[in-house]
Amino acid sequence: MTKKVLLIALGFVMTLELFAQKPQRIAFIDMEYILENIPDYQTAQSQLNQKVAKWQENIAEKQRELDQMKSNLSNEKALLTKDLIEEREEDITIKSDELRTLQNKYFGTNGDLFMLRQQLVKPIQDQVFNAIQEIAVNRQYDFVLDKSSDLIM
């Protein structure tokens, strides 16, 4: 009976050894640091920032116009007829919708910022990704983690 138990235990231990996991090789990178040290990325990022600044100024100007229209309406409301008040409120609504449309055009999910980033920054990021992938394959890393991002893997 003890021989059977020992044989079963020995078989169990050998099975565990056969399926034992090899040690995991993990690499950590800092993508922000890598990209900051690539001149092409810096150039693309500055072009992107210039465009964004222009778009934000355009939106701010439209917002000031809208705020001025609202202010004028509230100041003159006592002097205007009901029809004129409704007409101006409708103008304000139209202007507000135009502003939202413009914001979405520039900064929406498929807006100009997204497209410009795809054109300027994405190719550089792809080159870095391919280089990291090549190094990971050559050095046989199981995982490559980016310490600069919120998502770890």
N, C-alpha and C. Protein backbone atom coordinates (compact mmCIF):
# COMPACT_ATOMS: atom_id res chain seq x y z
N MET A 1 0.81 -1.19 0.00
CA MET A 1 0.00 0.00 0.00
C MET A 1 0.86 1.26 0.00
N THR A 2 1.91 1.26 0.81
CA THR A 2 2.79 2.43 0.85
C THR A 2 3.55 2.58 -0.46
N LYS A 3 3.83 1.44 -1.11
CA LYS A 3 4.51 1.52 -2.40
C LYS A 3 3.61 2.19 -3.44
N LYS A 4 2.31 1.88 -3.40
CA LYS A 4 1.37 2.47 -4.34
C LYS A 4 1.27 3.98 -4.11
N VAL A 5 1.23 4.39 -2.86
CA VAL A 5 1.12 5.81 -2.53
C VAL A 5 2.39 6.54 -2.97
N LEU A 6 3.55 5.91 -2.73
CA LEU A 6 4.80 6.52 -3.15
C LEU A 6 4.90 6.62 -4.67
N LEU A 7 4.45 5.60 -5.37
CA LEU A 7 4.47 5.63 -6.83
C LEU A 7 3.53 6.72 -7.37
N ILE A 8 2.38 6.83 -6.77
CA ILE A 8 1.43 7.86 -7.20
C ILE A 8 2.01 9.25 -6.93
N ALA A 9 2.61 9.43 -5.76
CA ALA A 9 3.22 10.72 -5.42
C ALA A 9 4.38 11.03 -6.36
N LEU A 10 5.21 10.04 -6.65
CA LEU A 10 6.32 10.23 -7.56
C LEU A 10 5.82 10.57 -8.96
N GLY A 11 4.78 9.90 -9.40
CA GLY A 11 4.18 10.20 -10.70
C GLY A 11 3.62 11.61 -10.74
N PHE A 12 2.99 12.03 -9.66
CA PHE A 12 2.43 13.38 -9.58
C PHE A 12 3.53 14.44 -9.66
N VAL A 13 4.62 14.21 -8.93
CA VAL A 13 5.75 15.15 -8.92
C VAL A 13 6.38 15.22 -10.31
N MET A 14 6.54 14.10 -10.97
CA MET A 14 7.12 14.09 -12.31
C MET A 14 6.21 14.81 -13.30
N THR A 15 4.91 14.63 -13.16
CA THR A 15 3.96 15.32 -14.03
C THR A 15 4.06 16.83 -13.83
N LEU A 16 4.17 17.25 -12.59
CA LEU A 16 4.32 18.68 -12.32
C LEU A 16 5.59 19.24 -12.92
N GLU A 17 6.66 18.49 -12.84
CA GLU A 17 7.92 18.95 -13.41
C GLU A 17 7.83 19.06 -14.92
N LEU A 18 7.11 18.15 -15.56
CA LEU A 18 6.98 18.20 -17.01
C LEU A 18 6.21 19.44 -17.46
N PHE A 19 5.21 19.82 -16.67
CA PHE A 19 4.37 20.95 -17.05
C PHE A 19 4.75 22.23 -16.33
N ALA A 20 5.87 22.21 -15.65
CA ALA A 20 6.30 23.42 -14.94
C ALA A 20 6.55 24.53 -15.93
N GLN A 21 6.21 25.72 -15.52
CA GLN A 21 6.33 26.87 -16.40
C GLN A 21 7.75 27.40 -16.40
N LYS A 22 8.19 27.79 -17.58
CA LYS A 22 9.52 28.38 -17.66
C LYS A 22 9.45 29.80 -17.09
N PRO A 23 10.55 30.34 -16.65
CA PRO A 23 10.51 31.70 -16.10
C PRO A 23 10.13 32.70 -17.17
N GLN A 24 9.32 33.67 -16.80
CA GLN A 24 8.86 34.69 -17.74
C GLN A 24 9.93 35.79 -17.85
N ARG A 25 10.20 36.20 -19.08
CA ARG A 25 11.14 37.30 -19.31
C ARG A 25 10.32 38.53 -19.65
N ILE A 26 10.50 39.57 -18.85
CA ILE A 26 9.70 40.78 -18.99
C ILE A 26 10.63 41.97 -19.24
N ALA A 27 10.25 42.80 -20.19
CA ALA A 27 11.01 44.03 -20.49
C ALA A 27 10.12 45.23 -20.18
N PHE A 28 10.73 46.28 -19.65
CA PHE A 28 10.03 47.53 -19.39
C PHE A 28 10.61 48.61 -20.29
N ILE A 29 9.72 49.39 -20.91
CA ILE A 29 10.17 50.49 -21.75
C ILE A 29 9.47 51.77 -21.29
N ASP A 30 10.03 52.90 -21.66
CA ASP A 30 9.42 54.21 -21.39
C ASP A 30 9.18 54.87 -22.75
N MET A 31 7.98 54.69 -23.27
CA MET A 31 7.66 55.18 -24.61
C MET A 31 7.76 56.70 -24.69
N GLU A 32 7.38 57.41 -23.64
CA GLU A 32 7.49 58.87 -23.66
C GLU A 32 8.94 59.31 -23.84
N TYR A 33 9.84 58.69 -23.10
CA TYR A 33 11.26 59.03 -23.19
C TYR A 33 11.80 58.74 -24.60
N ILE A 34 11.42 57.60 -25.13
CA ILE A 34 11.88 57.23 -26.47
C ILE A 34 11.40 58.24 -27.50
N LEU A 35 10.10 58.58 -27.45
CA LEU A 35 9.55 59.51 -28.44
C LEU A 35 10.10 60.92 -28.27
N GLU A 36 10.36 61.34 -27.03
CA GLU A 36 10.92 62.66 -26.80
C GLU A 36 12.30 62.82 -27.42
N ASN A 37 13.01 61.75 -27.60
CA ASN A 37 14.36 61.80 -28.14
C ASN A 37 14.43 61.51 -29.64
N ILE A 38 13.31 61.53 -30.30
CA ILE A 38 13.27 61.36 -31.76
C ILE A 38 12.93 62.72 -32.37
N PRO A 39 13.85 63.30 -33.14
CA PRO A 39 13.62 64.64 -33.70
C PRO A 39 12.38 64.73 -34.60
N ASP A 40 12.13 63.70 -35.39
CA ASP A 40 10.95 63.71 -36.27
C ASP A 40 9.67 63.79 -35.46
N TYR A 41 9.64 63.10 -34.34
CA TYR A 41 8.46 63.13 -33.48
C TYR A 41 8.26 64.52 -32.90
N GLN A 42 9.34 65.16 -32.48
CA GLN A 42 9.25 66.51 -31.93
C GLN A 42 8.70 67.49 -32.97
N THR A 43 9.18 67.36 -34.21
CA THR A 43 8.71 68.22 -35.29
C THR A 43 7.22 67.99 -35.55
N ALA A 44 6.82 66.74 -35.64
CA ALA A 44 5.42 66.41 -35.88
C ALA A 44 4.55 66.91 -34.74
N GLN A 45 5.03 66.75 -33.51
CA GLN A 45 4.25 67.19 -32.35
C GLN A 45 4.11 68.72 -32.33
N SER A 46 5.15 69.45 -32.71
CA SER A 46 5.05 70.91 -32.74
C SER A 46 4.08 71.37 -33.83
N GLN A 47 4.09 70.71 -34.98
CA GLN A 47 3.13 71.04 -36.03
C GLN A 47 1.71 70.78 -35.55
N LEU A 48 1.53 69.67 -34.87
CA LEU A 48 0.22 69.33 -34.34
C LEU A 48 -0.23 70.36 -33.30
N ASN A 49 0.67 70.76 -32.43
CA ASN A 49 0.33 71.75 -31.40
C ASN A 49 -0.03 73.10 -32.01
N GLN A 50 0.66 73.50 -33.08
CA GLN A 50 0.34 74.76 -33.76
C GLN A 50 -1.07 74.72 -34.33
N LYS A 51 -1.41 73.62 -34.99
CA LYS A 51 -2.76 73.49 -35.55
C LYS A 51 -3.81 73.51 -34.45
N VAL A 52 -3.55 72.80 -33.38
CA VAL A 52 -4.51 72.75 -32.27
C VAL A 52 -4.70 74.14 -31.67
N ALA A 53 -3.63 74.91 -31.54
CA ALA A 53 -3.73 76.26 -31.00
C ALA A 53 -4.60 77.14 -31.90
N LYS A 54 -4.44 77.02 -33.22
CA LYS A 54 -5.27 77.79 -34.15
C LYS A 54 -6.74 77.39 -34.02
N TRP A 55 -6.98 76.09 -33.94
CA TRP A 55 -8.36 75.62 -33.83
C TRP A 55 -8.99 76.08 -32.52
N GLN A 56 -8.23 76.02 -31.43
CA GLN A 56 -8.76 76.45 -30.15
C GLN A 56 -9.06 77.95 -30.15
N GLU A 57 -8.22 78.73 -30.79
CA GLU A 57 -8.47 80.18 -30.89
C GLU A 57 -9.73 80.45 -31.69
N ASN A 58 -9.92 79.71 -32.79
CA ASN A 58 -11.11 79.85 -33.61
C ASN A 58 -12.37 79.52 -32.80
N ILE A 59 -12.31 78.45 -32.04
CA ILE A 59 -13.45 78.04 -31.21
C ILE A 59 -13.69 79.07 -30.12
N ALA A 60 -12.63 79.60 -29.51
CA ALA A 60 -12.78 80.61 -28.46
C ALA A 60 -13.43 81.88 -29.01
N GLU A 61 -13.06 82.25 -30.23
CA GLU A 61 -13.68 83.43 -30.84
C GLU A 61 -15.17 83.21 -31.08
N LYS A 62 -15.51 82.05 -31.57
CA LYS A 62 -16.93 81.73 -31.79
C LYS A 62 -17.68 81.71 -30.45
N GLN A 63 -17.04 81.21 -29.41
CA GLN A 63 -17.67 81.17 -28.09
C GLN A 63 -17.88 82.59 -27.56
N ARG A 64 -16.92 83.48 -27.78
CA ARG A 64 -17.08 84.88 -27.36
C ARG A 64 -18.25 85.53 -28.09
N GLU A 65 -18.38 85.26 -29.39
CA GLU A 65 -19.50 85.80 -30.15
C GLU A 65 -20.83 85.30 -29.59
N LEU A 66 -20.88 84.02 -29.27
CA LEU A 66 -22.09 83.44 -28.72
C LEU A 66 -22.42 84.06 -27.35
N ASP A 67 -21.40 84.21 -26.52
CA ASP A 67 -21.61 84.82 -25.20
C ASP A 67 -22.09 86.27 -25.35
N GLN A 68 -21.54 86.99 -26.33
CA GLN A 68 -21.96 88.37 -26.57
C GLN A 68 -23.42 88.42 -26.99
N MET A 69 -23.82 87.49 -27.85
CA MET A 69 -25.22 87.43 -28.29
C MET A 69 -26.14 87.16 -27.11
N LYS A 70 -25.75 86.25 -26.23
CA LYS A 70 -26.56 85.95 -25.03
C LYS A 70 -26.64 87.15 -24.11
N SER A 71 -25.52 87.83 -23.95
CA SER A 71 -25.48 89.01 -23.09
C SER A 71 -26.36 90.12 -23.65
N ASN A 72 -26.26 90.35 -24.95
CA ASN A 72 -27.10 91.37 -25.58
C ASN A 72 -28.57 91.06 -25.43
N LEU A 73 -28.92 89.80 -25.60
CA LEU A 73 -30.32 89.41 -25.46
C LEU A 73 -30.81 89.64 -24.04
N SER A 74 -30.03 89.24 -23.06
CA SER A 74 -30.47 89.41 -21.67
C SER A 74 -30.58 90.89 -21.30
N ASN A 75 -29.69 91.74 -21.86
CA ASN A 75 -29.74 93.18 -21.58
C ASN A 75 -30.92 93.86 -22.25
N GLU A 76 -31.28 93.41 -23.46
CA GLU A 76 -32.34 94.06 -24.24
C GLU A 76 -33.69 93.35 -24.14
N LYS A 77 -33.75 92.31 -23.36
CA LYS A 77 -34.96 91.48 -23.31
C LYS A 77 -36.20 92.29 -22.92
N ALA A 78 -36.05 93.24 -22.01
CA ALA A 78 -37.20 94.03 -21.55
C ALA A 78 -37.72 94.96 -22.64
N LEU A 79 -36.86 95.32 -23.58
CA LEU A 79 -37.25 96.27 -24.62
C LEU A 79 -37.77 95.59 -25.89
N LEU A 80 -37.54 94.29 -26.04
CA LEU A 80 -37.88 93.60 -27.28
C LEU A 80 -39.27 92.97 -27.21
N THR A 81 -39.85 92.79 -28.39
CA THR A 81 -41.13 92.09 -28.46
C THR A 81 -40.88 90.59 -28.36
N LYS A 82 -41.95 89.87 -28.13
CA LYS A 82 -41.85 88.41 -27.98
C LYS A 82 -41.28 87.77 -29.26
N ASP A 83 -41.69 88.25 -30.41
CA ASP A 83 -41.20 87.71 -31.68
C ASP A 83 -39.70 87.94 -31.85
N LEU A 84 -39.24 89.14 -31.50
CA LEU A 84 -37.81 89.44 -31.60
C LEU A 84 -37.00 88.60 -30.62
N ILE A 85 -37.54 88.39 -29.43
CA ILE A 85 -36.85 87.56 -28.44
C ILE A 85 -36.71 86.14 -28.97
N GLU A 86 -37.78 85.59 -29.52
CA GLU A 86 -37.74 84.23 -30.06
C GLU A 86 -36.77 84.14 -31.24
N GLU A 87 -36.74 85.18 -32.06
CA GLU A 87 -35.84 85.19 -33.21
C GLU A 87 -34.37 85.18 -32.75
N ARG A 88 -34.08 86.00 -31.76
CA ARG A 88 -32.71 86.05 -31.25
C ARG A 88 -32.33 84.76 -30.52
N GLU A 89 -33.27 84.19 -29.79
CA GLU A 89 -33.00 82.91 -29.13
C GLU A 89 -32.73 81.82 -30.16
N GLU A 90 -33.46 81.88 -31.26
CA GLU A 90 -33.23 80.92 -32.35
C GLU A 90 -31.85 81.13 -32.97
N ASP A 91 -31.45 82.40 -33.14
CA ASP A 91 -30.10 82.70 -33.65
C ASP A 91 -29.03 82.16 -32.71
N ILE A 92 -29.27 82.32 -31.42
CA ILE A 92 -28.32 81.82 -30.41
C ILE A 92 -28.24 80.30 -30.48
N THR A 93 -29.36 79.65 -30.64
CA THR A 93 -29.39 78.19 -30.74
C THR A 93 -28.63 77.72 -31.98
N ILE A 94 -28.84 78.41 -33.08
CA ILE A 94 -28.14 78.06 -34.33
C ILE A 94 -26.65 78.25 -34.16
N LYS A 95 -26.26 79.37 -33.56
CA LYS A 95 -24.84 79.66 -33.35
C LYS A 95 -24.22 78.63 -32.40
N SER A 96 -24.96 78.23 -31.39
CA SER A 96 -24.48 77.22 -30.44
C SER A 96 -24.30 75.87 -31.14
N ASP A 97 -25.23 75.51 -32.00
CA ASP A 97 -25.11 74.26 -32.76
C ASP A 97 -23.91 74.30 -33.71
N GLU A 98 -23.68 75.47 -34.34
CA GLU A 98 -22.53 75.62 -35.22
C GLU A 98 -21.23 75.45 -34.42
N LEU A 99 -21.20 75.99 -33.22
CA LEU A 99 -20.01 75.88 -32.37
C LEU A 99 -19.75 74.41 -32.01
N ARG A 100 -20.79 73.70 -31.61
CA ARG A 100 -20.65 72.28 -31.29
C ARG A 100 -20.19 71.47 -32.50
N THR A 101 -20.73 71.80 -33.66
CA THR A 101 -20.33 71.11 -34.89
C THR A 101 -18.86 71.38 -35.21
N LEU A 102 -18.44 72.63 -35.02
CA LEU A 102 -17.04 72.98 -35.27
C LEU A 102 -16.11 72.26 -34.29
N GLN A 103 -16.50 72.21 -33.01
CA GLN A 103 -15.69 71.48 -32.03
C GLN A 103 -15.57 70.01 -32.39
N ASN A 104 -16.67 69.43 -32.81
CA ASN A 104 -16.67 68.02 -33.20
C ASN A 104 -15.83 67.81 -34.46
N LYS A 105 -15.88 68.77 -35.39
CA LYS A 105 -15.09 68.66 -36.62
C LYS A 105 -13.60 68.68 -36.30
N TYR A 106 -13.20 69.54 -35.37
CA TYR A 106 -11.78 69.63 -35.02
C TYR A 106 -11.33 68.52 -34.07
N PHE A 107 -12.10 68.29 -33.00
CA PHE A 107 -11.63 67.43 -31.93
C PHE A 107 -12.47 66.18 -31.71
N GLY A 108 -13.38 65.87 -32.60
CA GLY A 108 -14.22 64.69 -32.46
C GLY A 108 -13.44 63.40 -32.69
N THR A 109 -14.14 62.29 -32.55
CA THR A 109 -13.47 60.99 -32.67
C THR A 109 -12.89 60.77 -34.06
N ASN A 110 -13.52 61.31 -35.08
CA ASN A 110 -12.97 61.23 -36.44
C ASN A 110 -12.68 62.63 -36.97
N GLY A 111 -12.30 63.53 -36.07
CA GLY A 111 -12.07 64.92 -36.44
C GLY A 111 -10.71 65.16 -37.06
N ASP A 112 -10.47 66.43 -37.31
CA ASP A 112 -9.21 66.83 -37.95
C ASP A 112 -8.00 66.49 -37.10
N LEU A 113 -8.12 66.62 -35.78
CA LEU A 113 -7.00 66.30 -34.90
C LEU A 113 -6.62 64.83 -35.02
N PHE A 114 -7.61 63.97 -35.02
CA PHE A 114 -7.36 62.53 -35.15
C PHE A 114 -6.68 62.22 -36.48
N MET A 115 -7.18 62.82 -37.55
CA MET A 115 -6.63 62.57 -38.89
C MET A 115 -5.19 63.10 -39.00
N LEU A 116 -4.97 64.30 -38.46
CA LEU A 116 -3.64 64.89 -38.53
C LEU A 116 -2.65 64.09 -37.70
N ARG A 117 -3.10 63.61 -36.55
CA ARG A 117 -2.24 62.77 -35.71
C ARG A 117 -1.90 61.47 -36.45
N GLN A 118 -2.86 60.92 -37.17
CA GLN A 118 -2.60 59.70 -37.95
C GLN A 118 -1.55 59.96 -39.02
N GLN A 119 -1.60 61.14 -39.64
CA GLN A 119 -0.66 61.46 -40.70
C GLN A 119 0.74 61.76 -40.17
N LEU A 120 0.82 62.50 -39.07
CA LEU A 120 2.12 62.98 -38.60
C LEU A 120 2.80 62.06 -37.60
N VAL A 121 2.07 61.63 -36.60
CA VAL A 121 2.68 60.95 -35.45
C VAL A 121 2.65 59.43 -35.58
N LYS A 122 1.60 58.89 -36.14
CA LYS A 122 1.43 57.43 -36.20
C LYS A 122 2.58 56.71 -36.91
N PRO A 123 3.10 57.22 -38.04
CA PRO A 123 4.22 56.50 -38.69
C PRO A 123 5.46 56.40 -37.79
N ILE A 124 5.72 57.44 -37.02
CA ILE A 124 6.88 57.43 -36.13
C ILE A 124 6.64 56.43 -35.00
N GLN A 125 5.44 56.42 -34.45
CA GLN A 125 5.12 55.46 -33.40
C GLN A 125 5.19 54.03 -33.92
N ASP A 126 4.78 53.82 -35.15
CA ASP A 126 4.86 52.48 -35.74
C ASP A 126 6.31 52.03 -35.90
N GLN A 127 7.20 52.95 -36.30
CA GLN A 127 8.61 52.60 -36.42
C GLN A 127 9.18 52.19 -35.06
N VAL A 128 8.84 52.94 -34.02
CA VAL A 128 9.33 52.62 -32.67
C VAL A 128 8.76 51.27 -32.23
N PHE A 129 7.47 51.05 -32.49
CA PHE A 129 6.84 49.78 -32.11
C PHE A 129 7.53 48.61 -32.81
N ASN A 130 7.81 48.76 -34.10
CA ASN A 130 8.47 47.68 -34.84
C ASN A 130 9.87 47.41 -34.30
N ALA A 131 10.60 48.46 -33.95
CA ALA A 131 11.95 48.28 -33.39
C ALA A 131 11.88 47.56 -32.04
N ILE A 132 10.90 47.95 -31.21
CA ILE A 132 10.74 47.30 -29.91
C ILE A 132 10.34 45.84 -30.09
N GLN A 133 9.47 45.58 -31.04
CA GLN A 133 9.04 44.21 -31.30
C GLN A 133 10.22 43.36 -31.78
N GLU A 134 11.06 43.91 -32.62
CA GLU A 134 12.23 43.18 -33.11
C GLU A 134 13.19 42.86 -31.96
N ILE A 135 13.43 43.82 -31.10
CA ILE A 135 14.31 43.60 -29.94
C ILE A 135 13.70 42.55 -29.02
N ALA A 136 12.39 42.61 -28.81
CA ALA A 136 11.73 41.65 -27.94
C ALA A 136 11.84 40.23 -28.49
N VAL A 137 11.72 40.09 -29.79
CA VAL A 137 11.84 38.76 -30.41
C VAL A 137 13.28 38.26 -30.31
N ASN A 138 14.24 39.15 -30.62
CA ASN A 138 15.65 38.74 -30.59
C ASN A 138 16.11 38.36 -29.19
N ARG A 139 15.63 39.06 -28.19
CA ARG A 139 16.05 38.78 -26.82
C ARG A 139 15.09 37.84 -26.09
N GLN A 140 14.08 37.38 -26.80
CA GLN A 140 13.12 36.39 -26.32
C GLN A 140 12.36 36.84 -25.06
N TYR A 141 11.86 38.08 -25.09
CA TYR A 141 11.02 38.56 -23.99
C TYR A 141 9.61 38.02 -24.18
N ASP A 142 8.99 37.64 -23.06
CA ASP A 142 7.62 37.16 -23.11
C ASP A 142 6.63 38.32 -23.08
N PHE A 143 6.97 39.37 -22.32
CA PHE A 143 6.11 40.55 -22.19
C PHE A 143 6.97 41.80 -22.32
N VAL A 144 6.40 42.82 -22.94
CA VAL A 144 7.04 44.13 -22.97
C VAL A 144 6.01 45.11 -22.40
N LEU A 145 6.36 45.75 -21.30
CA LEU A 145 5.46 46.64 -20.61
C LEU A 145 5.94 48.08 -20.75
N ASP A 146 4.99 48.99 -20.95
CA ASP A 146 5.31 50.41 -21.08
C ASP A 146 5.00 51.08 -19.75
N LYS A 147 6.03 51.60 -19.10
CA LYS A 147 5.82 52.18 -17.78
C LYS A 147 5.25 53.59 -17.86
N SER A 148 5.23 54.21 -19.03
CA SER A 148 4.75 55.58 -19.13
C SER A 148 3.25 55.67 -19.39
N SER A 149 2.61 54.57 -19.72
CA SER A 149 1.19 54.65 -20.06
C SER A 149 0.34 54.20 -18.88
N ASP A 150 -0.95 54.56 -18.95
CA ASP A 150 -1.88 54.14 -17.92
C ASP A 150 -2.16 52.65 -18.02
N LEU A 151 -2.28 52.17 -19.24
CA LEU A 151 -2.45 50.74 -19.44
C LEU A 151 -1.07 50.10 -19.43
N ILE A 152 -0.88 49.12 -18.60
CA ILE A 152 0.46 48.61 -18.39
C ILE A 152 0.94 47.76 -19.54
N MET A 153 0.12 46.93 -20.12
CA MET A 153 0.61 46.06 -21.19
C MET A 153 0.20 46.61 -22.54
